N, C-alpha and C. Protein backbone atom coordinates (compact mmCIF):
# COMPACT_ATOMS: atom_id res chain seq x y z
N MET A 1 41.73 9.06 -41.96
CA MET A 1 42.18 9.67 -40.73
C MET A 1 41.09 10.54 -40.12
N THR A 2 40.28 11.19 -40.92
CA THR A 2 39.22 12.05 -40.45
C THR A 2 38.13 11.24 -39.75
N LEU A 3 37.84 10.06 -40.26
CA LEU A 3 36.83 9.18 -39.66
C LEU A 3 37.24 8.78 -38.25
N LYS A 4 38.54 8.58 -38.03
CA LYS A 4 39.02 8.20 -36.71
C LYS A 4 38.83 9.34 -35.71
N LEU A 5 38.82 10.56 -36.17
CA LEU A 5 38.62 11.70 -35.27
C LEU A 5 37.13 11.98 -35.06
N ILE A 6 36.32 11.74 -36.08
CA ILE A 6 34.88 12.03 -35.99
C ILE A 6 34.17 11.03 -35.09
N LEU A 7 34.49 9.75 -35.20
CA LEU A 7 33.82 8.73 -34.41
C LEU A 7 33.94 8.97 -32.91
N PRO A 8 35.12 9.24 -32.35
CA PRO A 8 35.20 9.54 -30.92
C PRO A 8 34.43 10.81 -30.55
N ALA A 9 34.43 11.80 -31.42
CA ALA A 9 33.69 13.03 -31.14
C ALA A 9 32.18 12.76 -31.07
N VAL A 10 31.67 11.94 -31.98
CA VAL A 10 30.24 11.59 -31.99
C VAL A 10 29.89 10.80 -30.74
N LEU A 11 30.71 9.84 -30.37
CA LEU A 11 30.48 9.05 -29.16
C LEU A 11 30.49 9.93 -27.92
N LEU A 12 31.40 10.86 -27.86
CA LEU A 12 31.47 11.78 -26.73
C LEU A 12 30.21 12.63 -26.64
N CYS A 13 29.72 13.11 -27.79
CA CYS A 13 28.48 13.90 -27.81
C CYS A 13 27.29 13.08 -27.34
N LEU A 14 27.20 11.83 -27.79
CA LEU A 14 26.10 10.96 -27.37
C LEU A 14 26.14 10.69 -25.88
N LEU A 15 27.31 10.41 -25.36
CA LEU A 15 27.45 10.16 -23.93
C LEU A 15 27.12 11.40 -23.11
N THR A 16 27.54 12.54 -23.56
CA THR A 16 27.24 13.79 -22.87
C THR A 16 25.75 14.07 -22.89
N ALA A 17 25.09 13.81 -24.00
CA ALA A 17 23.65 14.04 -24.11
C ALA A 17 22.89 13.12 -23.16
N CYS A 18 23.30 11.86 -23.08
CA CYS A 18 22.65 10.92 -22.18
C CYS A 18 22.86 11.31 -20.73
N ALA A 19 24.06 11.70 -20.40
CA ALA A 19 24.38 12.07 -19.03
C ALA A 19 23.78 13.41 -18.66
N GLY A 20 23.56 14.25 -19.63
CA GLY A 20 23.06 15.60 -19.37
C GLY A 20 21.58 15.66 -19.08
N SER A 21 20.82 14.66 -19.48
CA SER A 21 19.38 14.69 -19.22
C SER A 21 19.06 13.74 -18.07
N PRO A 22 18.90 14.30 -16.85
CA PRO A 22 18.66 13.46 -15.70
C PRO A 22 17.31 12.76 -15.79
N ALA A 23 17.26 11.54 -15.32
CA ALA A 23 16.00 10.80 -15.30
C ALA A 23 15.10 11.41 -14.23
N THR A 24 13.86 11.66 -14.60
CA THR A 24 12.93 12.22 -13.64
C THR A 24 12.25 11.09 -12.89
N SER A 25 11.96 11.34 -11.65
CA SER A 25 11.31 10.35 -10.80
C SER A 25 10.04 10.97 -10.24
N THR A 26 8.96 10.23 -10.28
CA THR A 26 7.69 10.68 -9.73
C THR A 26 7.40 9.88 -8.48
N GLN A 27 6.98 10.57 -7.41
CA GLN A 27 6.67 9.90 -6.16
C GLN A 27 5.17 9.97 -5.91
N TYR A 28 4.65 8.88 -5.33
CA TYR A 28 3.21 8.77 -5.10
C TYR A 28 2.92 8.43 -3.64
N LEU A 29 1.77 8.90 -3.19
CA LEU A 29 1.22 8.54 -1.89
C LEU A 29 -0.08 7.79 -2.13
N LEU A 30 -0.44 6.91 -1.23
CA LEU A 30 -1.71 6.23 -1.30
C LEU A 30 -2.82 7.27 -1.10
N PRO A 31 -3.85 7.27 -1.94
CA PRO A 31 -4.92 8.26 -1.76
C PRO A 31 -5.60 8.11 -0.40
N ALA A 32 -6.10 9.21 0.10
CA ALA A 32 -6.83 9.19 1.36
C ALA A 32 -8.15 8.47 1.17
N ASP A 33 -8.68 7.98 2.26
CA ASP A 33 -9.98 7.29 2.25
C ASP A 33 -11.07 8.32 2.02
N ASN A 34 -11.93 8.06 1.06
CA ASN A 34 -13.00 9.01 0.75
C ASN A 34 -14.34 8.62 1.35
N SER A 35 -14.37 7.52 2.11
CA SER A 35 -15.64 7.10 2.69
C SER A 35 -16.01 8.02 3.84
N ALA A 36 -17.28 8.29 3.95
CA ALA A 36 -17.76 9.13 5.05
C ALA A 36 -17.86 8.26 6.29
N SER A 37 -17.31 8.76 7.38
CA SER A 37 -17.39 7.98 8.61
C SER A 37 -18.74 8.22 9.28
N PRO A 38 -19.39 7.15 9.73
CA PRO A 38 -20.67 7.32 10.42
C PRO A 38 -20.47 8.08 11.72
N ALA A 39 -21.47 8.79 12.13
CA ALA A 39 -21.38 9.58 13.36
C ALA A 39 -21.28 8.65 14.56
N ALA A 40 -20.32 8.92 15.43
CA ALA A 40 -20.17 8.13 16.65
C ALA A 40 -21.11 8.65 17.71
N GLU A 41 -21.69 7.73 18.46
CA GLU A 41 -22.58 8.12 19.55
C GLU A 41 -21.80 8.00 20.85
N GLY A 42 -21.40 9.13 21.41
CA GLY A 42 -20.67 9.11 22.67
C GLY A 42 -19.21 8.74 22.49
N GLU A 43 -18.60 8.31 23.57
CA GLU A 43 -17.18 7.93 23.59
C GLU A 43 -17.00 6.56 22.96
N PRO A 44 -15.82 6.32 22.38
CA PRO A 44 -15.55 4.97 21.85
C PRO A 44 -15.65 3.93 22.95
N THR A 45 -16.22 2.78 22.61
CA THR A 45 -16.41 1.73 23.60
C THR A 45 -15.29 0.69 23.57
N ARG A 46 -14.46 0.72 22.51
CA ARG A 46 -13.36 -0.24 22.39
C ARG A 46 -12.12 0.46 21.85
N VAL A 47 -10.99 -0.22 22.03
CA VAL A 47 -9.72 0.28 21.49
C VAL A 47 -9.11 -0.82 20.64
N LEU A 48 -8.74 -0.45 19.42
CA LEU A 48 -8.08 -1.38 18.50
C LEU A 48 -6.69 -0.82 18.22
N VAL A 49 -5.67 -1.63 18.46
CA VAL A 49 -4.30 -1.24 18.19
C VAL A 49 -3.85 -1.94 16.91
N VAL A 50 -3.46 -1.14 15.92
CA VAL A 50 -2.97 -1.68 14.65
C VAL A 50 -1.46 -1.87 14.78
N ARG A 51 -1.04 -3.12 14.78
CA ARG A 51 0.38 -3.46 14.92
C ARG A 51 1.14 -3.11 13.64
N PRO A 52 2.47 -3.00 13.69
CA PRO A 52 3.23 -2.74 12.47
C PRO A 52 2.94 -3.79 11.39
N LEU A 53 2.68 -3.30 10.22
CA LEU A 53 2.32 -4.15 9.09
C LEU A 53 3.52 -4.96 8.62
N GLN A 54 3.29 -6.23 8.31
CA GLN A 54 4.33 -7.08 7.73
C GLN A 54 4.08 -7.12 6.22
N MET A 55 5.14 -6.96 5.45
CA MET A 55 4.98 -6.88 4.01
C MET A 55 6.07 -7.68 3.33
N ALA A 56 5.72 -8.35 2.25
CA ALA A 56 6.72 -9.09 1.48
C ALA A 56 7.85 -8.14 1.10
N ASP A 57 9.09 -8.60 1.21
CA ASP A 57 10.25 -7.74 0.97
C ASP A 57 10.23 -7.07 -0.40
N PHE A 58 9.82 -7.79 -1.45
CA PHE A 58 9.84 -7.21 -2.79
C PHE A 58 8.82 -6.08 -2.94
N LEU A 59 7.84 -6.01 -2.05
CA LEU A 59 6.84 -4.94 -2.10
C LEU A 59 7.23 -3.74 -1.25
N ASN A 60 8.04 -3.98 -0.23
CA ASN A 60 8.37 -2.92 0.72
C ASN A 60 9.60 -2.15 0.26
N GLU A 61 9.61 -1.80 -0.99
CA GLU A 61 10.69 -1.04 -1.62
C GLU A 61 10.09 0.24 -2.21
N GLU A 62 10.94 1.15 -2.61
CA GLU A 62 10.46 2.43 -3.14
C GLU A 62 9.73 2.30 -4.48
N GLY A 63 10.19 1.44 -5.36
CA GLY A 63 9.59 1.32 -6.68
C GLY A 63 8.24 0.63 -6.65
N ILE A 64 7.27 1.19 -7.35
CA ILE A 64 5.94 0.58 -7.44
C ILE A 64 6.07 -0.70 -8.28
N VAL A 65 5.44 -1.77 -7.82
CA VAL A 65 5.59 -3.08 -8.45
C VAL A 65 4.47 -3.33 -9.46
N LEU A 66 4.89 -3.83 -10.61
CA LEU A 66 3.95 -4.24 -11.66
C LEU A 66 4.26 -5.69 -12.00
N GLN A 67 3.22 -6.53 -11.99
CA GLN A 67 3.38 -7.94 -12.34
C GLN A 67 3.16 -8.07 -13.84
N LEU A 68 4.22 -8.47 -14.55
CA LEU A 68 4.20 -8.50 -16.01
C LEU A 68 3.51 -9.74 -16.59
N ASP A 69 3.57 -10.85 -15.87
CA ASP A 69 2.88 -12.08 -16.24
C ASP A 69 2.73 -12.91 -14.98
N ASP A 70 2.46 -14.20 -15.11
CA ASP A 70 2.21 -15.00 -13.91
C ASP A 70 3.43 -15.17 -13.00
N ILE A 71 4.64 -14.95 -13.50
CA ILE A 71 5.84 -15.16 -12.68
C ILE A 71 6.83 -14.00 -12.67
N THR A 72 6.60 -12.96 -13.46
CA THR A 72 7.58 -11.89 -13.61
C THR A 72 7.09 -10.60 -12.96
N LEU A 73 7.93 -10.05 -12.08
CA LEU A 73 7.63 -8.78 -11.42
C LEU A 73 8.62 -7.73 -11.88
N ASN A 74 8.16 -6.50 -11.97
CA ASN A 74 9.04 -5.39 -12.33
C ASN A 74 8.83 -4.27 -11.32
N GLN A 75 9.92 -3.82 -10.72
CA GLN A 75 9.85 -2.70 -9.79
C GLN A 75 10.24 -1.44 -10.54
N ALA A 76 9.35 -0.46 -10.58
CA ALA A 76 9.58 0.77 -11.33
C ALA A 76 10.78 1.53 -10.75
N SER A 77 11.57 2.09 -11.62
CA SER A 77 12.71 2.88 -11.16
C SER A 77 12.37 4.36 -11.12
N SER A 78 11.41 4.81 -11.91
CA SER A 78 11.07 6.23 -11.95
C SER A 78 9.72 6.55 -11.30
N ASN A 79 8.94 5.54 -10.99
CA ASN A 79 7.64 5.73 -10.34
C ASN A 79 7.72 5.05 -8.99
N ARG A 80 7.82 5.90 -7.94
CA ARG A 80 8.16 5.39 -6.62
C ARG A 80 7.15 5.83 -5.57
N TRP A 81 7.11 5.06 -4.50
CA TRP A 81 6.33 5.47 -3.34
C TRP A 81 7.10 6.58 -2.62
N ALA A 82 6.37 7.53 -2.07
CA ALA A 82 6.99 8.67 -1.39
C ALA A 82 7.52 8.28 -0.01
N GLU A 83 7.08 7.16 0.51
CA GLU A 83 7.57 6.66 1.79
C GLU A 83 7.53 5.14 1.78
N GLN A 84 8.08 4.55 2.81
CA GLN A 84 8.12 3.09 2.88
C GLN A 84 6.69 2.55 2.82
N PRO A 85 6.42 1.63 1.88
CA PRO A 85 5.06 1.14 1.69
C PRO A 85 4.41 0.56 2.95
N ALA A 86 5.13 -0.20 3.77
CA ALA A 86 4.52 -0.79 4.96
C ALA A 86 4.00 0.29 5.91
N MET A 87 4.75 1.36 6.09
CA MET A 87 4.31 2.45 6.96
C MET A 87 3.12 3.18 6.36
N MET A 88 3.17 3.41 5.04
CA MET A 88 2.08 4.10 4.36
C MET A 88 0.78 3.29 4.45
N LEU A 89 0.87 1.98 4.23
CA LEU A 89 -0.31 1.13 4.28
C LEU A 89 -0.86 1.03 5.71
N GLN A 90 0.02 0.96 6.70
CA GLN A 90 -0.44 0.88 8.09
C GLN A 90 -1.21 2.15 8.47
N ARG A 91 -0.65 3.29 8.14
CA ARG A 91 -1.33 4.56 8.46
C ARG A 91 -2.65 4.66 7.71
N GLY A 92 -2.65 4.26 6.43
CA GLY A 92 -3.88 4.29 5.64
C GLY A 92 -4.93 3.35 6.18
N LEU A 93 -4.51 2.18 6.64
CA LEU A 93 -5.45 1.22 7.21
C LEU A 93 -6.04 1.75 8.51
N ARG A 94 -5.20 2.35 9.33
CA ARG A 94 -5.68 2.93 10.59
C ARG A 94 -6.74 3.99 10.33
N GLN A 95 -6.49 4.87 9.36
CA GLN A 95 -7.46 5.91 9.02
C GLN A 95 -8.76 5.30 8.50
N ARG A 96 -8.63 4.33 7.62
CA ARG A 96 -9.81 3.70 7.03
C ARG A 96 -10.64 2.96 8.08
N LEU A 97 -9.97 2.26 8.99
CA LEU A 97 -10.70 1.55 10.05
C LEU A 97 -11.38 2.54 11.00
N ALA A 98 -10.72 3.64 11.32
CA ALA A 98 -11.34 4.65 12.18
C ALA A 98 -12.61 5.20 11.54
N ASN A 99 -12.60 5.37 10.22
CA ASN A 99 -13.79 5.85 9.50
C ASN A 99 -14.91 4.83 9.49
N ARG A 100 -14.57 3.55 9.54
CA ARG A 100 -15.57 2.49 9.43
C ARG A 100 -16.02 1.94 10.78
N LEU A 101 -15.28 2.26 11.83
CA LEU A 101 -15.60 1.76 13.18
C LEU A 101 -15.76 2.94 14.14
N PRO A 102 -16.88 3.67 14.07
CA PRO A 102 -17.02 4.88 14.87
C PRO A 102 -17.05 4.64 16.38
N ASP A 103 -17.37 3.42 16.81
CA ASP A 103 -17.40 3.12 18.24
C ASP A 103 -16.06 2.62 18.76
N THR A 104 -15.03 2.66 17.90
CA THR A 104 -13.72 2.11 18.25
C THR A 104 -12.64 3.17 18.08
N GLU A 105 -11.80 3.31 19.09
CA GLU A 105 -10.64 4.17 18.97
C GLU A 105 -9.54 3.33 18.34
N VAL A 106 -9.09 3.74 17.15
CA VAL A 106 -8.09 2.98 16.40
C VAL A 106 -6.75 3.67 16.58
N LEU A 107 -5.79 2.95 17.17
CA LEU A 107 -4.50 3.54 17.52
C LEU A 107 -3.35 2.82 16.84
N ASP A 108 -2.26 3.52 16.73
CA ASP A 108 -1.01 2.97 16.24
C ASP A 108 -0.33 2.23 17.40
N ALA A 109 0.40 1.18 17.10
CA ALA A 109 1.09 0.42 18.14
C ALA A 109 2.12 1.27 18.88
N ASN A 110 2.61 2.34 18.26
CA ASN A 110 3.62 3.19 18.88
C ASN A 110 3.07 4.07 20.00
N THR A 111 1.75 4.13 20.15
CA THR A 111 1.17 4.97 21.20
C THR A 111 1.32 4.34 22.58
N ARG A 112 1.68 3.08 22.64
CA ARG A 112 1.86 2.33 23.88
C ARG A 112 0.57 2.23 24.69
N ALA A 113 -0.56 2.40 24.03
CA ALA A 113 -1.84 2.28 24.72
C ALA A 113 -2.25 0.81 24.77
N ALA A 114 -2.93 0.47 25.83
CA ALA A 114 -3.48 -0.89 25.93
C ALA A 114 -4.76 -0.92 25.10
N GLY A 115 -4.91 -1.95 24.33
CA GLY A 115 -6.10 -2.04 23.48
C GLY A 115 -6.91 -3.26 23.83
N ASP A 116 -8.20 -3.18 23.54
CA ASP A 116 -9.07 -4.33 23.70
C ASP A 116 -8.72 -5.40 22.67
N MET A 117 -8.25 -4.92 21.51
CA MET A 117 -7.92 -5.83 20.40
C MET A 117 -6.64 -5.36 19.73
N GLN A 118 -5.94 -6.32 19.13
CA GLN A 118 -4.76 -6.02 18.34
C GLN A 118 -4.97 -6.59 16.95
N LEU A 119 -4.62 -5.79 15.93
CA LEU A 119 -4.75 -6.23 14.55
C LEU A 119 -3.37 -6.39 13.95
N LEU A 120 -3.10 -7.57 13.42
CA LEU A 120 -1.84 -7.86 12.74
C LEU A 120 -2.17 -8.14 11.28
N VAL A 121 -1.47 -7.47 10.37
CA VAL A 121 -1.75 -7.62 8.94
C VAL A 121 -0.46 -7.98 8.21
N GLU A 122 -0.58 -8.96 7.32
CA GLU A 122 0.54 -9.37 6.47
C GLU A 122 0.10 -9.18 5.02
N VAL A 123 0.89 -8.42 4.26
CA VAL A 123 0.56 -8.13 2.86
C VAL A 123 1.51 -8.90 1.95
N ASN A 124 0.94 -9.74 1.09
CA ASN A 124 1.72 -10.55 0.15
C ASN A 124 1.66 -10.01 -1.27
N SER A 125 0.63 -9.23 -1.56
CA SER A 125 0.48 -8.62 -2.90
C SER A 125 -0.03 -7.20 -2.72
N PHE A 126 0.62 -6.26 -3.39
CA PHE A 126 0.15 -4.88 -3.46
C PHE A 126 0.79 -4.31 -4.72
N GLN A 127 0.20 -4.65 -5.85
CA GLN A 127 0.83 -4.35 -7.14
C GLN A 127 -0.21 -4.26 -8.25
N GLY A 128 0.26 -3.74 -9.37
CA GLY A 128 -0.53 -3.75 -10.58
C GLY A 128 -0.28 -5.05 -11.33
N THR A 129 -1.21 -5.42 -12.20
CA THR A 129 -1.04 -6.64 -12.98
C THR A 129 -1.02 -6.31 -14.47
N HIS A 130 -0.55 -7.25 -15.25
CA HIS A 130 -0.44 -7.06 -16.70
C HIS A 130 -1.80 -6.92 -17.38
N ASN A 131 -2.87 -7.34 -16.73
CA ASN A 131 -4.20 -7.23 -17.34
C ASN A 131 -5.00 -6.04 -16.80
N GLY A 132 -4.31 -5.05 -16.21
CA GLY A 132 -4.96 -3.79 -15.84
C GLY A 132 -5.73 -3.82 -14.53
N GLU A 133 -5.22 -4.54 -13.55
CA GLU A 133 -5.86 -4.59 -12.24
C GLU A 133 -4.86 -4.21 -11.15
N ALA A 134 -5.41 -3.78 -10.02
CA ALA A 134 -4.61 -3.47 -8.83
C ALA A 134 -5.02 -4.47 -7.75
N VAL A 135 -4.05 -5.20 -7.24
CA VAL A 135 -4.33 -6.29 -6.30
C VAL A 135 -3.70 -6.00 -4.94
N ALA A 136 -4.50 -6.18 -3.90
CA ALA A 136 -4.02 -6.15 -2.51
C ALA A 136 -4.44 -7.47 -1.90
N ALA A 137 -3.47 -8.26 -1.43
CA ALA A 137 -3.80 -9.58 -0.88
C ALA A 137 -2.88 -9.91 0.28
N GLY A 138 -3.37 -10.75 1.16
CA GLY A 138 -2.60 -11.20 2.31
C GLY A 138 -3.50 -11.84 3.33
N GLN A 139 -3.19 -11.62 4.59
CA GLN A 139 -4.05 -12.12 5.66
C GLN A 139 -3.98 -11.17 6.85
N TRP A 140 -5.02 -11.21 7.67
CA TRP A 140 -5.02 -10.43 8.89
C TRP A 140 -5.43 -11.33 10.04
N GLN A 141 -5.03 -10.89 11.23
CA GLN A 141 -5.32 -11.67 12.43
C GLN A 141 -5.73 -10.70 13.53
N LEU A 142 -6.76 -11.05 14.25
CA LEU A 142 -7.25 -10.24 15.36
C LEU A 142 -6.99 -11.00 16.66
N ARG A 143 -6.38 -10.30 17.63
CA ARG A 143 -6.08 -10.89 18.94
C ARG A 143 -6.65 -9.99 20.02
N ASP A 144 -6.92 -10.57 21.17
CA ASP A 144 -7.42 -9.76 22.28
C ASP A 144 -6.26 -9.08 23.00
N ALA A 145 -6.56 -8.36 24.07
CA ALA A 145 -5.54 -7.56 24.78
C ALA A 145 -4.41 -8.43 25.33
N SER A 146 -4.70 -9.68 25.67
CA SER A 146 -3.67 -10.56 26.21
C SER A 146 -2.93 -11.34 25.13
N GLY A 147 -3.30 -11.11 23.87
CA GLY A 147 -2.64 -11.78 22.76
C GLY A 147 -3.30 -13.07 22.32
N GLU A 148 -4.43 -13.40 22.93
CA GLU A 148 -5.16 -14.61 22.55
C GLU A 148 -5.84 -14.42 21.20
N PHE A 149 -5.77 -15.46 20.40
CA PHE A 149 -6.32 -15.45 19.05
C PHE A 149 -7.84 -15.29 19.08
N ILE A 150 -8.36 -14.37 18.24
CA ILE A 150 -9.81 -14.19 18.08
C ILE A 150 -10.25 -14.68 16.70
N ARG A 151 -9.59 -14.14 15.66
CA ARG A 151 -10.01 -14.46 14.29
C ARG A 151 -8.87 -14.21 13.33
N GLN A 152 -8.85 -14.99 12.25
CA GLN A 152 -7.87 -14.81 11.18
C GLN A 152 -8.59 -14.99 9.85
N GLN A 153 -8.16 -14.20 8.86
CA GLN A 153 -8.82 -14.30 7.56
C GLN A 153 -7.86 -13.85 6.45
N ASN A 154 -7.93 -14.55 5.33
CA ASN A 154 -7.21 -14.11 4.13
C ASN A 154 -8.01 -13.00 3.46
N PHE A 155 -7.33 -12.15 2.71
CA PHE A 155 -8.03 -11.13 1.94
C PHE A 155 -7.41 -11.03 0.55
N GLN A 156 -8.25 -10.66 -0.39
CA GLN A 156 -7.79 -10.33 -1.74
C GLN A 156 -8.79 -9.35 -2.33
N ALA A 157 -8.31 -8.16 -2.60
CA ALA A 157 -9.14 -7.11 -3.20
C ALA A 157 -8.54 -6.77 -4.56
N VAL A 158 -9.38 -6.79 -5.59
CA VAL A 158 -8.93 -6.52 -6.95
C VAL A 158 -9.76 -5.37 -7.51
N THR A 159 -9.08 -4.35 -8.03
CA THR A 159 -9.75 -3.19 -8.62
C THR A 159 -9.24 -3.00 -10.04
N ARG A 160 -10.15 -2.79 -10.95
CA ARG A 160 -9.80 -2.55 -12.35
C ARG A 160 -9.30 -1.11 -12.50
N LEU A 161 -8.22 -0.90 -13.24
CA LEU A 161 -7.71 0.44 -13.50
C LEU A 161 -8.65 1.15 -14.47
N GLU A 162 -8.91 2.42 -14.20
CA GLU A 162 -9.78 3.21 -15.07
C GLU A 162 -9.05 3.74 -16.29
N ASN A 163 -7.73 3.91 -16.18
CA ASN A 163 -6.90 4.42 -17.27
C ASN A 163 -5.56 3.71 -17.22
N ASP A 164 -4.72 3.97 -18.22
CA ASP A 164 -3.35 3.48 -18.20
C ASP A 164 -2.49 4.42 -17.37
N GLY A 165 -1.38 3.91 -16.89
CA GLY A 165 -0.39 4.76 -16.22
C GLY A 165 -0.34 4.56 -14.72
N TYR A 166 0.75 5.05 -14.14
CA TYR A 166 0.97 4.89 -12.71
C TYR A 166 -0.02 5.67 -11.85
N PRO A 167 -0.45 6.89 -12.21
CA PRO A 167 -1.45 7.55 -11.37
C PRO A 167 -2.74 6.72 -11.24
N ALA A 168 -3.17 6.12 -12.34
CA ALA A 168 -4.37 5.27 -12.30
C ALA A 168 -4.12 4.03 -11.45
N LEU A 169 -2.92 3.47 -11.53
CA LEU A 169 -2.58 2.30 -10.72
C LEU A 169 -2.60 2.64 -9.24
N VAL A 170 -2.01 3.76 -8.86
CA VAL A 170 -1.97 4.15 -7.45
C VAL A 170 -3.38 4.40 -6.93
N ARG A 171 -4.23 5.04 -7.71
CA ARG A 171 -5.62 5.27 -7.28
C ARG A 171 -6.37 3.94 -7.13
N ALA A 172 -6.15 3.02 -8.06
CA ALA A 172 -6.81 1.70 -7.98
C ALA A 172 -6.29 0.92 -6.77
N LEU A 173 -4.99 1.01 -6.47
CA LEU A 173 -4.46 0.36 -5.28
C LEU A 173 -5.11 0.95 -4.02
N GLY A 174 -5.36 2.25 -4.03
CA GLY A 174 -6.06 2.89 -2.90
C GLY A 174 -7.46 2.33 -2.74
N ARG A 175 -8.17 2.12 -3.84
CA ARG A 175 -9.52 1.55 -3.77
C ARG A 175 -9.48 0.09 -3.30
N SER A 176 -8.45 -0.64 -3.72
CA SER A 176 -8.30 -2.01 -3.22
C SER A 176 -8.06 -2.01 -1.71
N TRP A 177 -7.25 -1.06 -1.24
CA TRP A 177 -6.98 -0.97 0.20
C TRP A 177 -8.25 -0.58 0.96
N ASP A 178 -9.11 0.26 0.33
CA ASP A 178 -10.41 0.59 0.91
C ASP A 178 -11.24 -0.68 1.12
N GLN A 179 -11.24 -1.56 0.10
CA GLN A 179 -12.00 -2.81 0.19
C GLN A 179 -11.49 -3.68 1.34
N VAL A 180 -10.17 -3.76 1.47
CA VAL A 180 -9.58 -4.54 2.56
C VAL A 180 -10.04 -3.99 3.90
N ALA A 181 -9.99 -2.68 4.07
CA ALA A 181 -10.40 -2.05 5.33
C ALA A 181 -11.88 -2.32 5.61
N THR A 182 -12.71 -2.26 4.59
CA THR A 182 -14.14 -2.52 4.76
C THR A 182 -14.38 -3.95 5.23
N GLU A 183 -13.67 -4.92 4.64
CA GLU A 183 -13.82 -6.32 5.06
C GLU A 183 -13.36 -6.53 6.50
N ILE A 184 -12.23 -5.94 6.86
CA ILE A 184 -11.71 -6.09 8.22
C ILE A 184 -12.66 -5.45 9.22
N ALA A 185 -13.14 -4.24 8.90
CA ALA A 185 -14.06 -3.54 9.82
C ALA A 185 -15.34 -4.33 10.02
N ALA A 186 -15.88 -4.92 8.96
CA ALA A 186 -17.11 -5.70 9.08
C ALA A 186 -16.87 -6.92 9.97
N SER A 187 -15.73 -7.53 9.83
CA SER A 187 -15.42 -8.70 10.66
C SER A 187 -15.21 -8.31 12.12
N ILE A 188 -14.55 -7.18 12.36
CA ILE A 188 -14.35 -6.71 13.74
C ILE A 188 -15.68 -6.35 14.37
N SER A 189 -16.55 -5.70 13.62
CA SER A 189 -17.87 -5.34 14.13
C SER A 189 -18.66 -6.58 14.52
N GLY A 190 -18.48 -7.65 13.75
CA GLY A 190 -19.21 -8.90 14.03
C GLY A 190 -18.58 -9.72 15.14
N SER A 191 -17.42 -9.32 15.66
CA SER A 191 -16.74 -10.13 16.66
C SER A 191 -17.03 -9.67 18.10
N ARG A 192 -18.06 -8.94 18.28
CA ARG A 192 -18.40 -8.46 19.64
C ARG A 192 -18.93 -9.58 20.50
């Protein structure tokens, strides 16, 4: 009879202990661009409008994505982006392009400004991998002010993580995004 009373008491204690310790959640932002922007000579000669970024649905969620093998993805429940990834990446790309294109005024599409060029970016990968890399991949397209096609290119930037853990992954994803911005800026510079 005593065992019947002890077992429910032990179960109740275990459930209370589990419920009593709240799961902690850590939020991350994409690191700022650390590249030095070249000095601009005079006023910007062109305007580039960065359109809203298109992102695969599984990536545009709060949980940071880790690819466990060639077909399995895991979205972290306790390690999350501090804001919607598509918005964070668009703002980060705008900043990075402004640093790399000193003769170009880089604007958000929400400014309603007319631009000489429009940049459309689609992100298909922005995640860590099981072998310790951070991958940013997709495609971008450059159009003129009237919407006519200028150039399109696929991108894939891979950065090796320096340490284990989500902080190292987020920093490596930031460096991958730096590489993407550098490639896009070089292509825009060459499209004059």
